[in-house]
Amino acid sequence: MIKNYVDSLKEFWPYYVREHSRSGTRWLHFIGNTNLFFWLLLAIFYQSLLILAIAVISSYTFAWMGHFFVERNIPATLRFPLKAAICDMIMYYKTWRGEMNMEVEKYTRIP
């Protein structure tokens, strides 16, 4: 079962990358995820559900601004919440490593 999910993530990744083809969208996601980690640490430290809610809402605000105003598409989270969340963390990691632009070129290239 895990292997099938990993395989489906590999199939989902190109779609996810294409949905984040503009650098502005990817940077808003990066800011949103950094924001998420900051608020999550505070939520854990203070053991606060309110701060946890702030973490989620404020982080999605950054990401969704990218989709609605930069990319002009519907966030994948609305249709594929778990896969999108996992791919978002992959994109965050690849952005830190400077690899995300290559991923976009790879999956948005017209053959």
C-alpha atoms as a PDB file:
ATOM      1  CA  MET A   1       0.000   0.000   0.000  1.00  0.00           C
ATOM      2  CA  ILE A   2       2.802   2.459   0.858  1.00  0.00           C
ATOM      3  CA  LYS A   3       4.587   1.615  -2.405  1.00  0.00           C
ATOM      4  CA  ASN A   4       1.413   2.354  -4.388  1.00  0.00           C
ATOM      5  CA  TYR A   5       1.069   5.709  -2.655  1.00  0.00           C
ATOM      6  CA  VAL A   6       4.702   6.554  -3.393  1.00  0.00           C
ATOM      7  CA  ASP A   7       4.157   5.556  -7.024  1.00  0.00           C
ATOM      8  CA  SER A   8       1.085   7.759  -7.202  1.00  0.00           C
ATOM      9  CA  LEU A   9       3.096  10.636  -5.688  1.00  0.00           C
ATOM     10  CA  LYS A  10       5.675  10.200  -8.450  1.00  0.00           C
ATOM     11  CA  GLU A  11       2.843  10.466 -10.964  1.00  0.00           C
ATOM     12  CA  PHE A  12       1.320  13.443  -9.153  1.00  0.00           C
ATOM     13  CA  TRP A  13       4.594  15.407  -8.893  1.00  0.00           C
ATOM     14  CA  PRO A  14       4.731  16.574 -12.558  1.00  0.00           C
ATOM     15  CA  TYR A  15       1.151  17.850 -12.273  1.00  0.00           C
ATOM     16  CA  TYR A  16       2.007  19.623  -9.011  1.00  0.00           C
ATOM     17  CA  VAL A  17       5.079  21.237 -10.540  1.00  0.00           C
ATOM     18  CA  ARG A  18       3.100  22.492 -13.542  1.00  0.00           C
ATOM     19  CA  GLU A  19       0.541  24.019 -11.154  1.00  0.00           C
ATOM     20  CA  HIS A  20       3.449  25.990  -9.620  1.00  0.00           C
ATOM     21  CA  SER A  21       5.205  27.000 -12.829  1.00  0.00           C
ATOM     22  CA  ARG A  22       5.597  30.703 -11.979  1.00  0.00           C
ATOM     23  CA  SER A  23       8.382  31.648  -9.611  1.00  0.00           C
ATOM     24  CA  GLY A  24       6.138  34.086  -7.724  1.00  0.00           C
ATOM     25  CA  THR A  25       3.799  31.251  -6.785  1.00  0.00           C
ATOM     26  CA  ARG A  26       6.675  29.088  -5.609  1.00  0.00           C
ATOM     27  CA  TRP A  27       8.141  31.916  -3.515  1.00  0.00           C
ATOM     28  CA  LEU A  28       4.781  32.647  -1.895  1.00  0.00           C
ATOM     29  CA  HIS A  29       4.597  28.935  -0.995  1.00  0.00           C
ATOM     30  CA  PHE A  30       8.124  29.107   0.378  1.00  0.00           C
ATOM     31  CA  ILE A  31       7.230  32.127   2.523  1.00  0.00           C
ATOM     32  CA  GLY A  32       4.014  30.408   3.613  1.00  0.00           C
ATOM     33  CA  ASN A  33       5.824  27.228   4.656  1.00  0.00           C
ATOM     34  CA  THR A  34       8.501  29.152   6.531  1.00  0.00           C
ATOM     35  CA  ASN A  35       5.680  31.035   8.231  1.00  0.00           C
ATOM     36  CA  LEU A  36       3.993  27.698   9.035  1.00  0.00           C
ATOM     37  CA  PHE A  37       7.083  26.319  10.756  1.00  0.00           C
ATOM     38  CA  PHE A  38       7.501  29.502  12.800  1.00  0.00           C
ATOM     39  CA  TRP A  39       3.893  29.455  14.044  1.00  0.00           C
ATOM     40  CA  LEU A  40       3.964  25.684  14.645  1.00  0.00           C
ATOM     41  CA  LEU A  41       6.946  26.113  16.953  1.00  0.00           C
ATOM     42  CA  LEU A  42       5.065  28.814  18.845  1.00  0.00           C
ATOM     43  CA  ALA A  43       1.928  26.654  18.992  1.00  0.00           C
ATOM     44  CA  ILE A  44       3.925  23.781  20.457  1.00  0.00           C
ATOM     45  CA  PHE A  45       5.769  26.028  22.897  1.00  0.00           C
ATOM     46  CA  TYR A  46       2.575  27.683  24.152  1.00  0.00           C
ATOM     47  CA  GLN A  47       0.399  24.580  23.607  1.00  0.00           C
ATOM     48  CA  SER A  48      -2.153  26.738  21.861  1.00  0.00           C
ATOM     49  CA  LEU A  49      -4.814  25.677  19.399  1.00  0.00           C
ATOM     50  CA  LEU A  50      -5.382  29.321  18.519  1.00  0.00           C
ATOM     51  CA  ILE A  51      -1.765  29.705  17.428  1.00  0.00           C
ATOM     52  CA  LEU A  52      -2.075  26.428  15.515  1.00  0.00           C
ATOM     53  CA  ALA A  53      -5.071  27.862  13.659  1.00  0.00           C
ATOM     54  CA  ILE A  54      -3.084  31.029  12.909  1.00  0.00           C
ATOM     55  CA  ALA A  55      -0.270  28.821  11.562  1.00  0.00           C
ATOM     56  CA  VAL A  56      -2.517  27.031   9.103  1.00  0.00           C
ATOM     57  CA  ILE A  57      -4.639  29.988   8.006  1.00  0.00           C
ATOM     58  CA  SER A  58      -1.778  32.428   7.529  1.00  0.00           C
ATOM     59  CA  SER A  59       0.320  29.881   5.656  1.00  0.00           C
ATOM     60  CA  TYR A  60      -2.470  28.960   3.262  1.00  0.00           C
ATOM     61  CA  THR A  61      -3.089  32.674   2.708  1.00  0.00           C
ATOM     62  CA  PHE A  62       0.402  33.080   1.236  1.00  0.00           C
ATOM     63  CA  ALA A  63       0.112  29.946  -0.908  1.00  0.00           C
ATOM     64  CA  TRP A  64      -3.363  30.704  -2.189  1.00  0.00           C
ATOM     65  CA  MET A  65      -2.435  34.287  -3.067  1.00  0.00           C
ATOM     66  CA  GLY A  66       0.099  32.702  -5.397  1.00  0.00           C
ATOM     67  CA  HIS A  67      -2.515  30.506  -7.000  1.00  0.00           C
ATOM     68  CA  PHE A  68      -5.273  33.084  -7.350  1.00  0.00           C
ATOM     69  CA  PHE A  69      -3.220  36.164  -8.260  1.00  0.00           C
ATOM     70  CA  VAL A  70       0.049  34.899  -9.766  1.00  0.00           C
ATOM     71  CA  GLU A  71      -0.624  31.462 -11.250  1.00  0.00           C
ATOM     72  CA  ARG A  72      -4.354  32.056 -11.773  1.00  0.00           C
ATOM     73  CA  ASN A  73      -5.346  28.477 -11.030  1.00  0.00           C
ATOM     74  CA  ILE A  74      -7.138  26.468  -8.350  1.00  0.00           C
ATOM     75  CA  PRO A  75      -4.902  25.190  -5.518  1.00  0.00           C
ATOM     76  CA  ALA A  76      -4.230  21.446  -5.744  1.00  0.00           C
ATOM     77  CA  THR A  77      -4.926  21.289  -1.998  1.00  0.00           C
ATOM     78  CA  LEU A  78      -8.636  21.632  -2.685  1.00  0.00           C
ATOM     79  CA  ARG A  79      -8.694  18.472  -4.797  1.00  0.00           C
ATOM     80  CA  PHE A  80      -5.770  16.438  -3.454  1.00  0.00           C
ATOM     81  CA  PRO A  81      -5.072  17.651   0.107  1.00  0.00           C
ATOM     82  CA  LEU A  82      -2.620  14.978   1.292  1.00  0.00           C
ATOM     83  CA  LYS A  83      -0.676  14.644  -1.956  1.00  0.00           C
ATOM     84  CA  ALA A  84      -0.485  18.422  -2.300  1.00  0.00           C
ATOM     85  CA  ALA A  85       0.786  18.810   1.273  1.00  0.00           C
ATOM     86  CA  ILE A  86       3.517  16.222   0.718  1.00  0.00           C
ATOM     87  CA  CYS A  87       4.518  17.737  -2.614  1.00  0.00           C
ATOM     88  CA  ASP A  88       4.529  21.182  -1.033  1.00  0.00           C
ATOM     89  CA  MET A  89       7.145  19.978   1.467  1.00  0.00           C
ATOM     90  CA  ILE A  90       9.144  18.453  -1.402  1.00  0.00           C
ATOM     91  CA  MET A  91       8.949  21.770  -3.249  1.00  0.00           C
ATOM     92  CA  TYR A  92      10.031  23.606  -0.074  1.00  0.00           C
ATOM     93  CA  TYR A  93      13.040  21.307   0.277  1.00  0.00           C
ATOM     94  CA  LYS A  94      13.964  21.616  -3.396  1.00  0.00           C
ATOM     95  CA  THR A  95      13.656  25.404  -3.200  1.00  0.00           C
ATOM     96  CA  TRP A  96      16.089  25.460  -0.261  1.00  0.00           C
ATOM     97  CA  ARG A  97      18.498  23.357  -2.303  1.00  0.00           C
ATOM     98  CA  GLY A  98      18.110  25.506  -5.436  1.00  0.00           C
ATOM     99  CA  GLU A  99      16.650  22.595  -7.430  1.00  0.00           C
ATOM    100  CA  MET A 100      13.077  23.707  -7.986  1.00  0.00           C
ATOM    101  CA  ASN A 101      13.675  25.785 -11.121  1.00  0.00           C
ATOM    102  CA  MET A 102      15.160  22.693 -12.803  1.00  0.00           C
ATOM    103  CA  GLU A 103      12.052  20.711 -11.848  1.00  0.00           C
ATOM    104  CA  VAL A 104       9.838  23.349 -13.439  1.00  0.00           C
ATOM    105  CA  GLU A 105      11.920  23.337 -16.618  1.00  0.00           C
ATOM    106  CA  LYS A 106      11.782  19.554 -16.711  1.00  0.00           C
ATOM    107  CA  TYR A 107       7.990  19.316 -16.433  1.00  0.00           C
ATOM    108  CA  THR A 108       6.851  22.429 -18.287  1.00  0.00           C
ATOM    109  CA  ARG A 109       9.043  22.017 -21.341  1.00  0.00           C
ATOM    110  CA  ILE A 110       7.110  21.667 -24.587  1.00  0.00           C
ATOM    111  CA  PRO A 111       8.429  18.576 -26.423  1.00  0.00           C
END
